[in-house]
């Protein structure tokens, strides 16, 4: 599992099972991520922002008990609650990860998040290979 997938799981829990995302659960998640991944100061800062967003997501959805969670995907619930504000910290993390350890999966995740946050294609739709070549030049 990647660090970005860990954030996805945190967000999914926040919107689908908000009552389970207690302070202790967030602390346990952060500890698990710190133990499982090599994170630098920038990554840690972006992760803290993701945890803050998850708190807001859980608060939003815990107040909506009449909503049927089976009717939505977890991603649409994130969009309903906070929209791009929830995805922005994860995009910033993805951009940082792409800068320090570029790979095709991180590039694809960054492109998806960029489209969600900015409503336009990442790097005008450039492919990973095109981006890698441009970085070399």
C-alpha atoms as a PDB file:
ATOM      1  CA  UNK A   1       0.000   0.000   0.000  1.00  0.00           C
ATOM      2  CA  UNK A   2       1.237   3.513  -0.746  1.00  0.00           C
ATOM      3  CA  UNK A   3       1.092   6.577   1.447  1.00  0.00           C
ATOM      4  CA  UNK A   4      -1.587   8.060  -0.819  1.00  0.00           C
ATOM      5  CA  UNK A   5      -3.663   4.885  -0.454  1.00  0.00           C
ATOM      6  CA  UNK A   6      -3.341   5.204   3.323  1.00  0.00           C
ATOM      7  CA  UNK A   7      -4.848   8.690   3.099  1.00  0.00           C
ATOM      8  CA  UNK A   8      -7.635   7.301   0.897  1.00  0.00           C
ATOM      9  CA  UNK A   9      -8.452   4.757   3.602  1.00  0.00           C
ATOM     10  CA  UNK A  10      -8.465   7.467   6.253  1.00  0.00           C
ATOM     11  CA  UNK A  11     -10.877   9.581   4.199  1.00  0.00           C
ATOM     12  CA  UNK A  12     -13.051   6.550   3.469  1.00  0.00           C
ATOM     13  CA  UNK A  13     -13.362   5.792   7.168  1.00  0.00           C
ATOM     14  CA  UNK A  14     -14.115   9.433   7.914  1.00  0.00           C
ATOM     15  CA  UNK A  15     -17.091   9.551   5.554  1.00  0.00           C
ATOM     16  CA  UNK A  16     -18.407   5.987   5.732  1.00  0.00           C
ATOM     17  CA  UNK A  17     -17.851   5.237   9.429  1.00  0.00           C
ATOM     18  CA  UNK A  18     -17.414   8.688  10.991  1.00  0.00           C
ATOM     19  CA  UNK A  19     -18.190   7.595  14.545  1.00  0.00           C
ATOM     20  CA  UNK A  20     -15.239   5.210  14.421  1.00  0.00           C
ATOM     21  CA  UNK A  21     -12.777   7.962  13.573  1.00  0.00           C
ATOM     22  CA  UNK A  22     -12.092   9.016  17.144  1.00  0.00           C
ATOM     23  CA  UNK A  23      -9.095  10.989  18.349  1.00  0.00           C
ATOM     24  CA  UNK A  24      -7.480   7.685  19.300  1.00  0.00           C
ATOM     25  CA  UNK A  25      -8.198   6.183  15.871  1.00  0.00           C
ATOM     26  CA  UNK A  26      -6.571   9.176  14.162  1.00  0.00           C
ATOM     27  CA  UNK A  27      -3.559   8.938  16.485  1.00  0.00           C
ATOM     28  CA  UNK A  28      -3.278   5.200  15.789  1.00  0.00           C
ATOM     29  CA  UNK A  29      -3.476   5.861  12.038  1.00  0.00           C
ATOM     30  CA  UNK A  30      -0.754   8.517  12.245  1.00  0.00           C
ATOM     31  CA  UNK A  31       1.468   6.217  14.301  1.00  0.00           C
ATOM     32  CA  UNK A  32       0.948   3.358  11.865  1.00  0.00           C
ATOM     33  CA  UNK A  33       1.856   5.592   8.930  1.00  0.00           C
ATOM     34  CA  UNK A  34       4.926   6.933  10.740  1.00  0.00           C
ATOM     35  CA  UNK A  35       6.057   3.385  11.517  1.00  0.00           C
ATOM     36  CA  UNK A  36       5.366   2.049   8.031  1.00  0.00           C
ATOM     37  CA  UNK A  37       6.743   4.787   5.800  1.00  0.00           C
ATOM     38  CA  UNK A  38       9.818   6.942   5.656  1.00  0.00           C
ATOM     39  CA  UNK A  39       8.412  10.452   5.869  1.00  0.00           C
ATOM     40  CA  UNK A  40      10.254  13.738   5.781  1.00  0.00           C
ATOM     41  CA  UNK A  41       9.087  17.023   7.314  1.00  0.00           C
ATOM     42  CA  UNK A  42       7.164  18.060   4.208  1.00  0.00           C
ATOM     43  CA  UNK A  43       5.331  14.725   4.011  1.00  0.00           C
ATOM     44  CA  UNK A  44       4.503  14.922   7.717  1.00  0.00           C
ATOM     45  CA  UNK A  45       3.077  18.428   7.258  1.00  0.00           C
ATOM     46  CA  UNK A  46       0.868  17.295   4.366  1.00  0.00           C
ATOM     47  CA  UNK A  47      -0.250  14.240   6.339  1.00  0.00           C
ATOM     48  CA  UNK A  48      -1.267  16.435   9.296  1.00  0.00           C
ATOM     49  CA  UNK A  49      -3.407  18.466   6.911  1.00  0.00           C
ATOM     50  CA  UNK A  50      -4.994  15.254   5.629  1.00  0.00           C
ATOM     51  CA  UNK A  51      -5.761  14.203   9.211  1.00  0.00           C
ATOM     52  CA  UNK A  52      -7.340  17.627   9.844  1.00  0.00           C
ATOM     53  CA  UNK A  53      -9.460  17.211   6.712  1.00  0.00           C
ATOM     54  CA  UNK A  54     -10.525  13.741   7.876  1.00  0.00           C
ATOM     55  CA  UNK A  55     -11.693  15.249  11.174  1.00  0.00           C
ATOM     56  CA  UNK A  56     -13.855  17.762   9.293  1.00  0.00           C
ATOM     57  CA  UNK A  57     -15.210  15.019   7.037  1.00  0.00           C
ATOM     58  CA  UNK A  58     -16.134  12.823   9.996  1.00  0.00           C
ATOM     59  CA  UNK A  59     -17.818  15.733  11.772  1.00  0.00           C
ATOM     60  CA  UNK A  60     -19.840  16.557   8.669  1.00  0.00           C
ATOM     61  CA  UNK A  61     -21.056  12.990   8.127  1.00  0.00           C
ATOM     62  CA  UNK A  62     -21.656  12.117  11.775  1.00  0.00           C
ATOM     63  CA  UNK A  63     -24.331  14.830  11.835  1.00  0.00           C
ATOM     64  CA  UNK A  64     -26.194  13.255   8.909  1.00  0.00           C
ATOM     65  CA  UNK A  65     -27.669  10.096  10.366  1.00  0.00           C
ATOM     66  CA  UNK A  66     -30.604   9.936   7.958  1.00  0.00           C
ATOM     67  CA  UNK A  67     -28.339   9.666   4.910  1.00  0.00           C
ATOM     68  CA  UNK A  68     -27.991   6.165   3.467  1.00  0.00           C
ATOM     69  CA  UNK A  69     -24.235   5.532   3.064  1.00  0.00           C
ATOM     70  CA  UNK A  70     -24.867   2.775   0.546  1.00  0.00           C
ATOM     71  CA  UNK A  71     -26.169   5.327  -1.951  1.00  0.00           C
ATOM     72  CA  UNK A  72     -22.804   7.037  -2.455  1.00  0.00           C
ATOM     73  CA  UNK A  73     -19.212   6.202  -3.030  1.00  0.00           C
ATOM     74  CA  UNK A  74     -16.847   7.384  -0.359  1.00  0.00           C
ATOM     75  CA  UNK A  75     -15.263   9.775  -2.873  1.00  0.00           C
ATOM     76  CA  UNK A  76     -18.583  11.455  -3.596  1.00  0.00           C
ATOM     77  CA  UNK A  77     -19.157  11.851   0.134  1.00  0.00           C
ATOM     78  CA  UNK A  78     -15.794  13.626   0.421  1.00  0.00           C
ATOM     79  CA  UNK A  79     -16.862  15.918  -2.422  1.00  0.00           C
ATOM     80  CA  UNK A  80     -20.229  16.660  -0.815  1.00  0.00           C
ATOM     81  CA  UNK A  81     -18.664  17.498   2.528  1.00  0.00           C
ATOM     82  CA  UNK A  82     -15.604  19.560   1.595  1.00  0.00           C
ATOM     83  CA  UNK A  83     -15.016  19.343  -2.131  1.00  0.00           C
ATOM     84  CA  UNK A  84     -11.560  20.350  -3.324  1.00  0.00           C
ATOM     85  CA  UNK A  85     -10.578  21.529   0.174  1.00  0.00           C
ATOM     86  CA  UNK A  86     -10.414  17.883   1.266  1.00  0.00           C
ATOM     87  CA  UNK A  87      -8.407  16.732  -1.737  1.00  0.00           C
ATOM     88  CA  UNK A  88      -5.918  19.638  -1.767  1.00  0.00           C
ATOM     89  CA  UNK A  89      -3.707  18.356   1.113  1.00  0.00           C
ATOM     90  CA  UNK A  90      -3.567  14.947  -0.515  1.00  0.00           C
ATOM     91  CA  UNK A  91      -2.635  16.557  -3.845  1.00  0.00           C
ATOM     92  CA  UNK A  92       0.127  18.528  -2.124  1.00  0.00           C
ATOM     93  CA  UNK A  93       1.407  15.272  -0.620  1.00  0.00           C
ATOM     94  CA  UNK A  94       1.263  13.598  -4.042  1.00  0.00           C
ATOM     95  CA  UNK A  95       3.170  16.463  -5.681  1.00  0.00           C
ATOM     96  CA  UNK A  96       5.823  16.242  -2.977  1.00  0.00           C
ATOM     97  CA  UNK A  97       6.127  12.463  -3.335  1.00  0.00           C
ATOM     98  CA  UNK A  98       6.354  12.829  -7.106  1.00  0.00           C
ATOM     99  CA  UNK A  99       9.196  15.290  -6.640  1.00  0.00           C
ATOM    100  CA  UNK A 100      11.227  13.183  -4.189  1.00  0.00           C
ATOM    101  CA  UNK A 101      10.540   9.671  -5.507  1.00  0.00           C
ATOM    102  CA  UNK A 102       8.925   9.814  -8.948  1.00  0.00           C
ATOM    103  CA  UNK A 103       7.196   6.728 -10.262  1.00  0.00           C
ATOM    104  CA  UNK A 104       4.360   6.027 -12.625  1.00  0.00           C
ATOM    105  CA  UNK A 105       1.792   5.171  -9.921  1.00  0.00           C
ATOM    106  CA  UNK A 106       2.446   8.395  -8.032  1.00  0.00           C
ATOM    107  CA  UNK A 107       2.262  10.327 -11.300  1.00  0.00           C
ATOM    108  CA  UNK A 108      -1.132   8.769 -12.084  1.00  0.00           C
ATOM    109  CA  UNK A 109      -2.453   9.497  -8.584  1.00  0.00           C
ATOM    110  CA  UNK A 110      -1.190  13.070  -8.805  1.00  0.00           C
ATOM    111  CA  UNK A 111      -2.869  13.537 -12.180  1.00  0.00           C
ATOM    112  CA  UNK A 112      -6.188  12.246 -10.791  1.00  0.00           C
ATOM    113  CA  UNK A 113      -6.015  14.480  -7.717  1.00  0.00           C
ATOM    114  CA  UNK A 114      -4.962  17.495  -9.788  1.00  0.00           C
ATOM    115  CA  UNK A 115      -8.010  17.046 -12.030  1.00  0.00           C
ATOM    116  CA  UNK A 116     -10.289  16.853  -8.985  1.00  0.00           C
ATOM    117  CA  UNK A 117      -8.806  19.923  -7.278  1.00  0.00           C
ATOM    118  CA  UNK A 118      -8.255  22.156 -10.316  1.00  0.00           C
ATOM    119  CA  UNK A 119     -10.793  20.742 -12.779  1.00  0.00           C
ATOM    120  CA  UNK A 120      -8.168  20.526 -15.513  1.00  0.00           C
ATOM    121  CA  UNK A 121      -5.603  17.969 -16.643  1.00  0.00           C
ATOM    122  CA  UNK A 122      -2.243  17.725 -14.898  1.00  0.00           C
ATOM    123  CA  UNK A 123       0.565  19.173 -17.047  1.00  0.00           C
ATOM    124  CA  UNK A 124      -1.873  19.608 -19.936  1.00  0.00           C
ATOM    125  CA  UNK A 125      -2.361  15.856 -20.097  1.00  0.00           C
ATOM    126  CA  UNK A 126       1.311  14.899 -20.442  1.00  0.00           C
ATOM    127  CA  UNK A 127       2.131  11.242 -19.886  1.00  0.00           C
ATOM    128  CA  UNK A 128       4.568   9.928 -17.301  1.00  0.00           C
ATOM    129  CA  UNK A 129       7.124   9.225 -20.036  1.00  0.00           C
ATOM    130  CA  UNK A 130       6.785  12.740 -21.453  1.00  0.00           C
ATOM    131  CA  UNK A 131       7.125  14.218 -17.985  1.00  0.00           C
ATOM    132  CA  UNK A 132      10.172  12.061 -17.204  1.00  0.00           C
ATOM    133  CA  UNK A 133      11.822  13.104 -20.467  1.00  0.00           C
ATOM    134  CA  UNK A 134      11.112  16.787 -19.779  1.00  0.00           C
ATOM    135  CA  UNK A 135      12.701  16.455 -16.332  1.00  0.00           C
ATOM    136  CA  UNK A 136      15.861  15.018 -17.892  1.00  0.00           C
ATOM    137  CA  UNK A 137      16.174  17.874 -20.397  1.00  0.00           C
END
